[in-house]
Amino acid sequence: MMRPTPTGFVLGGPLTIATASTYVEAARAHWPEEGDSVIDFAGVTEADSAALALIFKWQRDALKKGRKIHCVNVPANVIALAKLYGVDDLIGT
């Protein structure tokens, strides 16, 4: 579901309202201790608006520590939702 990397983690499997809380918990265990983080969505098989909520939560957490997150390989439907909501400039892609 989540594989740590030296600079962040790679997500895998569904990222939906039903699974978002497990990603929150897993991220706590795998968050890098320092520096900006890269969150790679390459392995996400399904995503809904919960993915946006999770990105924003991780951004808030990083900002509290004076850091940033960079999202890569964000699913097209999540980017489309962000554009629809007018927050595409906030998702760190």
N, C-alpha and C. Protein backbone atom coordinates (compact mmCIF):
# COMPACT_ATOMS: atom_id res chain seq x y z
N MET A 1 0.82 -1.19 0.00
CA MET A 1 0.00 0.00 0.00
C MET A 1 0.86 1.26 0.00
N MET A 2 1.94 1.27 0.78
CA MET A 2 2.85 2.41 0.80
C MET A 2 4.27 1.88 0.96
N ARG A 3 5.13 2.30 0.03
CA ARG A 3 6.53 1.87 0.07
C ARG A 3 7.39 3.09 0.32
N PRO A 4 8.19 3.09 1.39
CA PRO A 4 9.05 4.24 1.66
C PRO A 4 10.19 4.35 0.65
N THR A 5 10.61 5.58 0.40
CA THR A 5 11.78 5.88 -0.42
C THR A 5 12.66 6.81 0.41
N PRO A 6 13.86 7.09 -0.02
CA PRO A 6 14.71 8.00 0.76
C PRO A 6 14.12 9.41 0.92
N THR A 7 13.29 9.84 -0.03
CA THR A 7 12.75 11.21 0.03
C THR A 7 11.24 11.26 0.26
N GLY A 8 10.61 10.15 0.51
CA GLY A 8 9.15 10.15 0.70
C GLY A 8 8.59 8.75 0.62
N PHE A 9 7.58 8.57 -0.24
CA PHE A 9 7.00 7.25 -0.40
C PHE A 9 6.23 7.14 -1.70
N VAL A 10 6.03 5.87 -2.10
CA VAL A 10 5.25 5.53 -3.28
C VAL A 10 3.96 4.89 -2.79
N LEU A 11 2.85 5.39 -3.28
CA LEU A 11 1.54 4.87 -2.90
C LEU A 11 1.13 3.78 -3.87
N GLY A 12 0.35 2.82 -3.38
CA GLY A 12 -0.14 1.74 -4.22
C GLY A 12 -1.51 1.29 -3.79
N GLY A 13 -2.29 0.81 -4.75
CA GLY A 13 -3.63 0.33 -4.47
C GLY A 13 -4.65 1.46 -4.52
N PRO A 14 -5.87 1.18 -4.08
CA PRO A 14 -6.91 2.21 -4.13
C PRO A 14 -6.69 3.31 -3.08
N LEU A 15 -6.95 4.54 -3.48
CA LEU A 15 -6.88 5.68 -2.57
C LEU A 15 -8.24 6.36 -2.64
N THR A 16 -9.13 5.88 -1.78
CA THR A 16 -10.52 6.33 -1.77
C THR A 16 -10.93 6.67 -0.33
N ILE A 17 -12.13 7.13 -0.20
CA ILE A 17 -12.64 7.46 1.13
C ILE A 17 -12.56 6.23 2.06
N ALA A 18 -12.68 5.05 1.50
CA ALA A 18 -12.64 3.83 2.31
C ALA A 18 -11.23 3.48 2.78
N THR A 19 -10.20 3.96 2.07
CA THR A 19 -8.82 3.58 2.41
C THR A 19 -7.96 4.73 2.90
N ALA A 20 -8.45 5.95 2.84
CA ALA A 20 -7.63 7.13 3.15
C ALA A 20 -7.03 7.08 4.55
N SER A 21 -7.78 6.62 5.53
CA SER A 21 -7.26 6.62 6.91
C SER A 21 -6.05 5.69 7.05
N THR A 22 -6.00 4.61 6.28
CA THR A 22 -4.84 3.72 6.36
C THR A 22 -3.60 4.41 5.78
N TYR A 23 -3.80 5.26 4.77
CA TYR A 23 -2.67 6.01 4.21
C TYR A 23 -2.16 7.06 5.21
N VAL A 24 -3.07 7.66 5.96
CA VAL A 24 -2.66 8.64 6.97
C VAL A 24 -1.77 7.96 8.00
N GLU A 25 -2.20 6.82 8.48
CA GLU A 25 -1.42 6.09 9.49
C GLU A 25 -0.08 5.61 8.94
N ALA A 26 -0.09 5.08 7.72
CA ALA A 26 1.15 4.58 7.12
C ALA A 26 2.15 5.72 6.89
N ALA A 27 1.66 6.87 6.50
CA ALA A 27 2.55 8.01 6.25
C ALA A 27 3.27 8.43 7.52
N ARG A 28 2.59 8.36 8.64
CA ARG A 28 3.24 8.72 9.92
C ARG A 28 4.48 7.86 10.16
N ALA A 29 4.40 6.61 9.78
CA ALA A 29 5.52 5.70 10.01
C ALA A 29 6.65 5.88 9.00
N HIS A 30 6.33 6.41 7.81
CA HIS A 30 7.31 6.47 6.73
C HIS A 30 7.76 7.87 6.36
N TRP A 31 7.28 8.89 7.05
CA TRP A 31 7.62 10.26 6.67
C TRP A 31 9.10 10.52 6.92
N PRO A 32 9.83 11.06 5.92
CA PRO A 32 11.25 11.36 6.12
C PRO A 32 11.44 12.36 7.27
N GLU A 33 12.53 12.23 7.97
CA GLU A 33 12.80 13.06 9.14
C GLU A 33 13.13 14.51 8.79
N GLU A 34 13.67 14.75 7.60
CA GLU A 34 14.04 16.12 7.24
C GLU A 34 13.92 16.32 5.74
N GLY A 35 13.88 17.59 5.35
CA GLY A 35 13.81 17.95 3.93
C GLY A 35 12.42 17.82 3.34
N ASP A 36 12.32 18.28 2.10
CA ASP A 36 11.06 18.16 1.37
C ASP A 36 10.81 16.70 1.02
N SER A 37 9.56 16.37 0.75
CA SER A 37 9.20 14.99 0.46
C SER A 37 8.54 14.86 -0.90
N VAL A 38 8.77 13.72 -1.53
CA VAL A 38 8.14 13.39 -2.80
C VAL A 38 7.15 12.27 -2.53
N ILE A 39 5.90 12.52 -2.92
CA ILE A 39 4.86 11.50 -2.80
C ILE A 39 4.52 11.06 -4.22
N ASP A 40 4.79 9.78 -4.50
CA ASP A 40 4.61 9.23 -5.83
C ASP A 40 3.32 8.40 -5.85
N PHE A 41 2.41 8.78 -6.72
CA PHE A 41 1.12 8.12 -6.84
C PHE A 41 1.14 7.03 -7.91
N ALA A 42 2.32 6.61 -8.36
CA ALA A 42 2.45 5.69 -9.49
C ALA A 42 1.66 4.40 -9.32
N GLY A 43 1.57 3.89 -8.13
CA GLY A 43 0.89 2.61 -7.92
C GLY A 43 -0.58 2.71 -7.55
N VAL A 44 -1.13 3.92 -7.54
CA VAL A 44 -2.54 4.08 -7.17
C VAL A 44 -3.41 3.52 -8.30
N THR A 45 -4.29 2.61 -7.94
CA THR A 45 -5.14 1.94 -8.92
C THR A 45 -6.52 2.57 -9.06
N GLU A 46 -6.92 3.32 -8.06
CA GLU A 46 -8.24 3.97 -8.04
C GLU A 46 -8.13 5.15 -7.08
N ALA A 47 -8.73 6.27 -7.44
CA ALA A 47 -8.66 7.44 -6.56
C ALA A 47 -9.95 8.26 -6.68
N ASP A 48 -10.31 8.90 -5.57
CA ASP A 48 -11.45 9.81 -5.57
C ASP A 48 -11.05 11.08 -4.84
N SER A 49 -12.01 11.87 -4.44
CA SER A 49 -11.71 13.15 -3.80
C SER A 49 -10.96 12.99 -2.48
N ALA A 50 -10.96 11.81 -1.91
CA ALA A 50 -10.18 11.56 -0.69
C ALA A 50 -8.70 11.78 -0.96
N ALA A 51 -8.25 11.54 -2.19
CA ALA A 51 -6.85 11.77 -2.54
C ALA A 51 -6.49 13.24 -2.38
N LEU A 52 -7.39 14.12 -2.78
CA LEU A 52 -7.15 15.56 -2.60
C LEU A 52 -7.07 15.91 -1.12
N ALA A 53 -8.00 15.40 -0.35
CA ALA A 53 -8.00 15.67 1.09
C ALA A 53 -6.69 15.20 1.72
N LEU A 54 -6.21 14.05 1.28
CA LEU A 54 -4.97 13.51 1.82
C LEU A 54 -3.77 14.37 1.42
N ILE A 55 -3.73 14.83 0.18
CA ILE A 55 -2.65 15.71 -0.25
C ILE A 55 -2.64 16.97 0.61
N PHE A 56 -3.80 17.56 0.83
CA PHE A 56 -3.87 18.79 1.63
C PHE A 56 -3.48 18.53 3.08
N LYS A 57 -3.84 17.39 3.61
CA LYS A 57 -3.44 17.06 4.99
C LYS A 57 -1.92 16.94 5.08
N TRP A 58 -1.32 16.24 4.10
CA TRP A 58 0.12 16.08 4.11
C TRP A 58 0.83 17.41 3.90
N GLN A 59 0.24 18.28 3.09
CA GLN A 59 0.82 19.62 2.91
C GLN A 59 0.81 20.39 4.23
N ARG A 60 -0.31 20.36 4.92
CA ARG A 60 -0.40 21.05 6.22
C ARG A 60 0.63 20.50 7.20
N ASP A 61 0.75 19.19 7.27
CA ASP A 61 1.72 18.56 8.16
C ASP A 61 3.14 18.99 7.83
N ALA A 62 3.46 19.00 6.53
CA ALA A 62 4.80 19.40 6.09
C ALA A 62 5.07 20.86 6.41
N LEU A 63 4.10 21.73 6.16
CA LEU A 63 4.27 23.16 6.42
C LEU A 63 4.52 23.44 7.89
N LYS A 64 3.88 22.66 8.76
CA LYS A 64 4.10 22.83 10.20
C LYS A 64 5.57 22.57 10.57
N LYS A 65 6.24 21.77 9.75
CA LYS A 65 7.65 21.45 9.99
C LYS A 65 8.58 22.26 9.10
N GLY A 66 8.02 23.24 8.39
CA GLY A 66 8.82 24.08 7.52
C GLY A 66 9.27 23.39 6.24
N ARG A 67 8.51 22.41 5.80
CA ARG A 67 8.87 21.62 4.62
C ARG A 67 7.79 21.73 3.56
N LYS A 68 8.05 21.12 2.41
CA LYS A 68 7.08 21.05 1.33
C LYS A 68 6.96 19.61 0.86
N ILE A 69 5.84 19.32 0.19
CA ILE A 69 5.71 18.04 -0.48
C ILE A 69 5.58 18.29 -1.98
N HIS A 70 6.03 17.32 -2.73
CA HIS A 70 5.93 17.36 -4.18
C HIS A 70 5.23 16.07 -4.60
N CYS A 71 4.11 16.19 -5.29
CA CYS A 71 3.35 15.03 -5.73
C CYS A 71 3.69 14.74 -7.18
N VAL A 72 3.97 13.48 -7.48
CA VAL A 72 4.26 13.06 -8.85
C VAL A 72 3.34 11.90 -9.23
N ASN A 73 3.11 11.76 -10.51
CA ASN A 73 2.26 10.70 -11.04
C ASN A 73 0.85 10.71 -10.44
N VAL A 74 0.35 11.91 -10.19
CA VAL A 74 -1.01 12.05 -9.64
C VAL A 74 -2.00 11.57 -10.71
N PRO A 75 -2.96 10.71 -10.35
CA PRO A 75 -3.92 10.22 -11.33
C PRO A 75 -4.67 11.37 -12.02
N ALA A 76 -4.95 11.17 -13.29
CA ALA A 76 -5.61 12.21 -14.10
C ALA A 76 -6.94 12.64 -13.50
N ASN A 77 -7.70 11.70 -12.93
CA ASN A 77 -9.00 12.09 -12.37
C ASN A 77 -8.84 12.96 -11.12
N VAL A 78 -7.76 12.79 -10.38
CA VAL A 78 -7.52 13.63 -9.20
C VAL A 78 -7.13 15.03 -9.66
N ILE A 79 -6.31 15.12 -10.69
CA ILE A 79 -5.96 16.43 -11.25
C ILE A 79 -7.21 17.11 -11.79
N ALA A 80 -8.08 16.35 -12.46
CA ALA A 80 -9.33 16.92 -12.99
C ALA A 80 -10.22 17.43 -11.86
N LEU A 81 -10.30 16.69 -10.77
CA LEU A 81 -11.08 17.16 -9.61
C LEU A 81 -10.49 18.44 -9.04
N ALA A 82 -9.16 18.49 -8.95
CA ALA A 82 -8.51 19.68 -8.41
C ALA A 82 -8.80 20.89 -9.30
N LYS A 83 -8.77 20.69 -10.61
CA LYS A 83 -9.10 21.79 -11.53
C LYS A 83 -10.55 22.21 -11.38
N LEU A 84 -11.44 21.24 -11.26
CA LEU A 84 -12.85 21.53 -11.07
C LEU A 84 -13.10 22.36 -9.82
N TYR A 85 -12.40 22.03 -8.73
CA TYR A 85 -12.54 22.74 -7.47
C TYR A 85 -11.72 24.02 -7.41
N GLY A 86 -10.88 24.25 -8.43
CA GLY A 86 -10.06 25.46 -8.46
C GLY A 86 -8.86 25.41 -7.53
N VAL A 87 -8.38 24.20 -7.22
CA VAL A 87 -7.25 24.05 -6.30
C VAL A 87 -6.07 23.33 -6.94
N ASP A 88 -6.06 23.25 -8.27
CA ASP A 88 -5.00 22.51 -8.94
C ASP A 88 -3.61 23.09 -8.68
N ASP A 89 -3.55 24.39 -8.41
CA ASP A 89 -2.24 24.98 -8.10
C ASP A 89 -1.76 24.62 -6.70
N LEU A 90 -2.59 24.00 -5.91
CA LEU A 90 -2.24 23.66 -4.53
C LEU A 90 -1.82 22.21 -4.32
N ILE A 91 -1.89 21.39 -5.36
CA ILE A 91 -1.64 19.96 -5.12
C ILE A 91 -0.17 19.56 -5.29
N GLY A 92 0.69 20.50 -5.56
CA GLY A 92 2.13 20.22 -5.53
C GLY A 92 2.64 19.33 -6.63
N THR A 93 2.00 19.35 -7.79
CA THR A 93 2.50 18.50 -8.90
C THR A 93 3.51 19.27 -9.72
